[in-house]
Amino acid sequence: GSPERPQKEGGNKAKHNKQNEQTTEHSSKATNTSNMATIDALAGEWKRTSYDANYDAFLTGMGQGWLARKAATLAPYYRTIVVDGESVTDTINVAGILNVVATYTPLGSKEEAAEARRNGQVVVEEAHGKRSELVAYWDVADDGSKVLVLHRVLSAEDYETFHTHFFDASSPNRITIRLHLNKLSDGSGVVDSVVVLEKSI
């Protein structure tokens, strides 16, 4: 099973603020009220409570050095998610040092997301000198459940990541996120990992 990594409150307030821009407003016609129950399930204060043995390899694939990886795995990791209609404001805070904010509207399908990316309709995130282009979309898992995918492309770093959020109606205070990374150039360097968030009470 996944080793539990309980996090502690603390750390300074964020010193690194966002640079967040949505290059084009893109409203998904495929997104409808059937997604609202799931999108509302995102809202809240979330804390990382566990991750699997591949998490360090995932961070390595993202180009993080030993010190950065240790900080990322040992430091408190929080996400504050605010839902306003179909719009999501997602703030990631690691140890009160790294604070990245993205506002996105999940599109209705993987195909719609691919079209949006081709058209340059992405959310740009910048942190520690790295620039990623985010597109969020709803997808359907193998078991038929609805999942939220955050697809980030880092062209300068030659990799992309997928954060697939699984919701369990029987455990509404938990989100399981499957992480996937691969190189853009040839699809190699594949790393899969799992992280669990639990709602801070």
Protein backbone atom coordinates (compact mmCIF):
# COMPACT_ATOMS: atom_id res chain seq x y z
CA GLY A 1 0.00 0.00 0.00
CA SER A 2 0.92 3.64 -0.12
CA PRO A 3 3.02 4.90 2.78
CA GLU A 4 1.24 7.46 4.86
CA ARG A 5 2.98 10.81 4.99
CA PRO A 6 1.01 12.93 7.45
CA GLN A 7 1.60 16.61 6.90
CA LYS A 8 1.84 19.30 9.53
CA GLU A 9 0.51 22.80 9.45
CA GLY A 10 3.12 25.49 9.24
CA GLY A 11 5.47 27.35 6.96
CA ASN A 12 5.62 30.92 5.84
CA LYS A 13 3.09 32.52 3.62
CA ALA A 14 3.71 32.12 -0.06
CA LYS A 15 6.61 34.13 -1.40
CA HIS A 16 6.17 33.07 -4.99
CA ASN A 17 2.95 34.26 -6.50
CA LYS A 18 1.32 33.14 -9.68
CA GLN A 19 1.61 34.30 -13.19
CA ASN A 20 -1.66 33.05 -14.48
CA GLU A 21 -3.19 33.94 -17.77
CA GLN A 22 -5.92 32.41 -19.79
CA THR A 23 -5.05 33.26 -23.35
CA THR A 24 -8.56 32.67 -24.62
CA GLU A 25 -11.89 32.32 -22.95
CA HIS A 26 -13.17 28.92 -23.98
CA SER A 27 -16.54 27.72 -22.81
CA SER A 28 -17.23 24.06 -23.33
CA LYS A 29 -20.57 23.32 -24.93
CA ALA A 30 -20.09 19.68 -23.93
CA THR A 31 -19.79 20.61 -20.26
CA ASN A 32 -23.25 20.62 -18.76
CA THR A 33 -25.12 20.16 -15.51
CA SER A 34 -24.18 16.46 -15.44
CA ASN A 35 -20.64 17.59 -14.55
CA MET A 36 -21.70 19.93 -11.78
CA ALA A 37 -21.93 17.32 -9.03
CA THR A 38 -18.36 16.26 -9.74
CA ILE A 39 -16.98 19.77 -10.10
CA ASP A 40 -18.57 20.73 -6.78
CA ALA A 41 -16.81 17.74 -5.20
CA LEU A 42 -13.50 19.52 -5.95
CA ALA A 43 -14.27 22.51 -3.75
CA GLY A 44 -12.47 22.80 -0.45
CA GLU A 45 -9.14 22.78 1.35
CA TRP A 46 -7.16 19.66 0.54
CA LYS A 47 -4.02 18.19 2.10
CA ARG A 48 -1.77 15.51 0.64
CA THR A 49 -1.85 12.55 3.00
CA SER A 50 -0.01 9.85 1.04
CA TYR A 51 1.89 9.02 -2.12
CA ASP A 52 3.30 5.84 -3.60
CA ALA A 53 6.87 4.65 -4.10
CA ASN A 54 7.06 6.11 -7.63
CA TYR A 55 6.46 9.70 -6.52
CA ASP A 56 10.18 10.46 -6.23
CA ALA A 57 10.74 9.12 -9.76
CA PHE A 58 7.89 11.31 -10.99
CA LEU A 59 9.54 14.40 -9.49
CA THR A 60 12.89 13.31 -10.96
CA GLY A 61 11.25 13.09 -14.38
CA MET A 62 10.13 16.67 -13.92
CA GLY A 63 13.77 17.66 -13.55
CA GLN A 64 13.74 18.29 -9.82
CA GLY A 65 17.04 17.81 -7.99
CA TRP A 66 17.51 15.88 -4.76
CA LEU A 67 16.92 18.84 -2.45
CA ALA A 68 13.79 19.96 -4.29
CA ARG A 69 12.43 16.41 -4.27
CA LYS A 70 13.02 16.06 -0.53
CA ALA A 71 11.25 19.36 0.08
CA ALA A 72 8.36 18.32 -2.18
CA THR A 73 7.87 14.99 -0.43
CA LEU A 74 8.43 16.02 3.19
CA ALA A 75 6.93 19.50 3.26
CA PRO A 76 3.22 20.18 3.79
CA TYR A 77 1.34 20.16 0.47
CA TYR A 78 -2.05 21.85 0.25
CA ARG A 79 -4.53 22.64 -2.50
CA THR A 80 -7.30 25.17 -2.10
CA ILE A 81 -9.96 24.73 -4.77
CA VAL A 82 -12.73 27.27 -5.28
CA VAL A 83 -15.55 26.42 -7.68
CA ASP A 84 -17.65 29.16 -9.25
CA GLY A 85 -20.15 27.67 -11.67
CA GLU A 86 -17.97 25.74 -14.13
CA SER A 87 -14.82 27.74 -13.31
CA VAL A 88 -12.19 26.37 -10.94
CA THR A 89 -9.52 28.37 -9.11
CA ASP A 90 -6.84 25.95 -7.96
CA THR A 91 -4.10 27.10 -5.57
CA ILE A 92 -1.18 24.77 -4.82
CA ASN A 93 0.90 25.59 -1.76
CA VAL A 94 4.01 23.63 -0.82
CA ALA A 95 5.56 24.47 2.56
CA GLY A 96 4.32 28.03 2.23
CA ILE A 97 7.15 28.66 -0.26
CA LEU A 98 5.72 27.66 -3.64
CA ASN A 99 2.32 29.09 -4.43
CA VAL A 100 0.89 28.50 -7.90
CA VAL A 101 -2.61 29.58 -8.85
CA ALA A 102 -4.48 28.52 -11.97
CA THR A 103 -8.03 29.33 -13.00
CA TYR A 104 -9.52 26.97 -15.55
CA THR A 105 -12.82 25.71 -16.92
CA PRO A 106 -12.68 21.97 -17.58
CA LEU A 107 -13.67 21.11 -21.14
CA GLY A 108 -16.14 18.38 -21.92
CA SER A 109 -13.86 15.75 -23.43
CA LYS A 110 -10.30 14.77 -24.32
CA GLU A 111 -11.02 15.60 -27.97
CA GLU A 112 -12.26 19.07 -27.09
CA ALA A 113 -9.16 19.62 -24.95
CA ALA A 114 -6.85 18.57 -27.81
CA GLU A 115 -8.60 21.04 -30.11
CA ALA A 116 -8.30 23.83 -27.54
CA ARG A 117 -4.56 23.15 -27.20
CA ARG A 118 -4.10 23.22 -30.98
CA ASN A 119 -5.82 26.61 -30.98
CA GLY A 120 -3.59 27.95 -28.20
CA GLN A 121 -6.42 28.02 -25.67
CA VAL A 122 -4.33 27.15 -22.62
CA VAL A 123 -3.75 28.40 -19.09
CA VAL A 124 -0.12 29.44 -18.65
CA GLU A 125 1.53 28.65 -15.30
CA GLU A 126 4.99 29.85 -14.32
CA ALA A 127 6.99 28.85 -11.26
CA HIS A 128 10.72 28.64 -10.58
CA GLY A 129 11.55 29.54 -14.15
CA LYS A 130 9.44 26.78 -15.68
CA ARG A 131 6.48 27.48 -17.96
CA SER A 132 3.65 25.01 -18.38
CA GLU A 133 0.54 25.18 -20.54
CA LEU A 134 -2.49 23.66 -18.84
CA VAL A 135 -5.70 22.34 -20.34
CA ALA A 136 -8.30 20.75 -18.04
CA TYR A 137 -10.98 18.36 -19.24
CA TRP A 138 -13.45 15.71 -18.14
CA ASP A 139 -12.80 12.13 -19.18
CA VAL A 140 -14.28 8.71 -18.46
CA ALA A 141 -12.26 6.10 -16.56
CA ASP A 142 -12.20 2.40 -17.42
CA ASP A 143 -14.87 1.76 -14.79
CA GLY A 144 -17.18 4.36 -16.37
CA SER A 145 -16.66 6.98 -13.66
CA LYS A 146 -16.11 10.64 -14.50
CA VAL A 147 -12.58 11.91 -13.88
CA LEU A 148 -10.96 15.34 -14.11
CA VAL A 149 -7.68 15.51 -16.03
CA LEU A 150 -5.18 18.36 -15.75
CA HIS A 151 -2.85 18.05 -18.75
CA ARG A 152 0.30 20.18 -18.57
CA VAL A 153 2.80 20.54 -21.41
CA LEU A 154 6.29 21.90 -20.66
CA SER A 155 7.76 22.29 -24.13
CA ALA A 156 11.09 23.79 -23.00
CA GLU A 157 11.59 20.87 -20.59
CA ASP A 158 10.44 18.26 -23.15
CA TYR A 159 7.79 16.58 -21.03
CA GLU A 160 4.07 16.50 -20.34
CA THR A 161 2.12 15.43 -17.27
CA PHE A 162 -1.42 14.21 -16.68
CA HIS A 163 -3.03 14.54 -13.24
CA THR A 164 -6.19 12.42 -13.31
CA HIS A 165 -8.52 13.03 -10.36
CA PHE A 166 -10.73 10.15 -9.25
CA PHE A 167 -13.77 10.86 -7.07
CA ASP A 168 -15.41 8.29 -4.83
CA ALA A 169 -18.95 9.11 -3.73
CA SER A 170 -18.51 6.82 -0.72
CA SER A 171 -15.46 8.86 0.38
CA PRO A 172 -16.32 12.47 -0.50
CA ASN A 173 -13.43 13.81 1.58
CA ARG A 174 -10.82 12.00 -0.52
CA ILE A 175 -9.46 12.46 -4.04
CA THR A 176 -7.07 9.95 -5.57
CA ILE A 177 -4.82 11.46 -8.24
CA ARG A 178 -3.03 9.30 -10.76
CA LEU A 179 0.06 11.04 -12.11
CA HIS A 180 1.57 10.27 -15.51
CA LEU A 181 4.69 11.77 -17.09
CA ASN A 182 6.40 11.18 -20.42
CA LYS A 183 8.81 12.95 -22.76
CA LEU A 184 7.24 14.98 -25.54
CA SER A 185 9.95 14.13 -28.09
CA ASP A 186 9.61 10.36 -28.17
CA GLY A 187 7.13 9.33 -25.47
CA SER A 188 9.89 7.71 -23.38
CA GLY A 189 10.66 8.25 -19.73
CA VAL A 190 7.21 7.16 -18.63
CA VAL A 191 6.54 7.41 -14.89
CA ASP A 192 3.22 6.70 -13.17
CA SER A 193 2.48 7.53 -9.56
CA VAL A 194 -0.45 7.97 -7.17
CA VAL A 195 -1.12 10.73 -4.66
CA VAL A 196 -4.03 10.95 -2.21
CA LEU A 197 -5.58 14.21 -1.02
CA GLU A 198 -7.94 14.44 1.92
CA LYS A 199 -10.14 17.34 2.82
CA SER A 200 -8.82 19.39 5.74
CA ILE A 201 -11.48 19.45 8.44
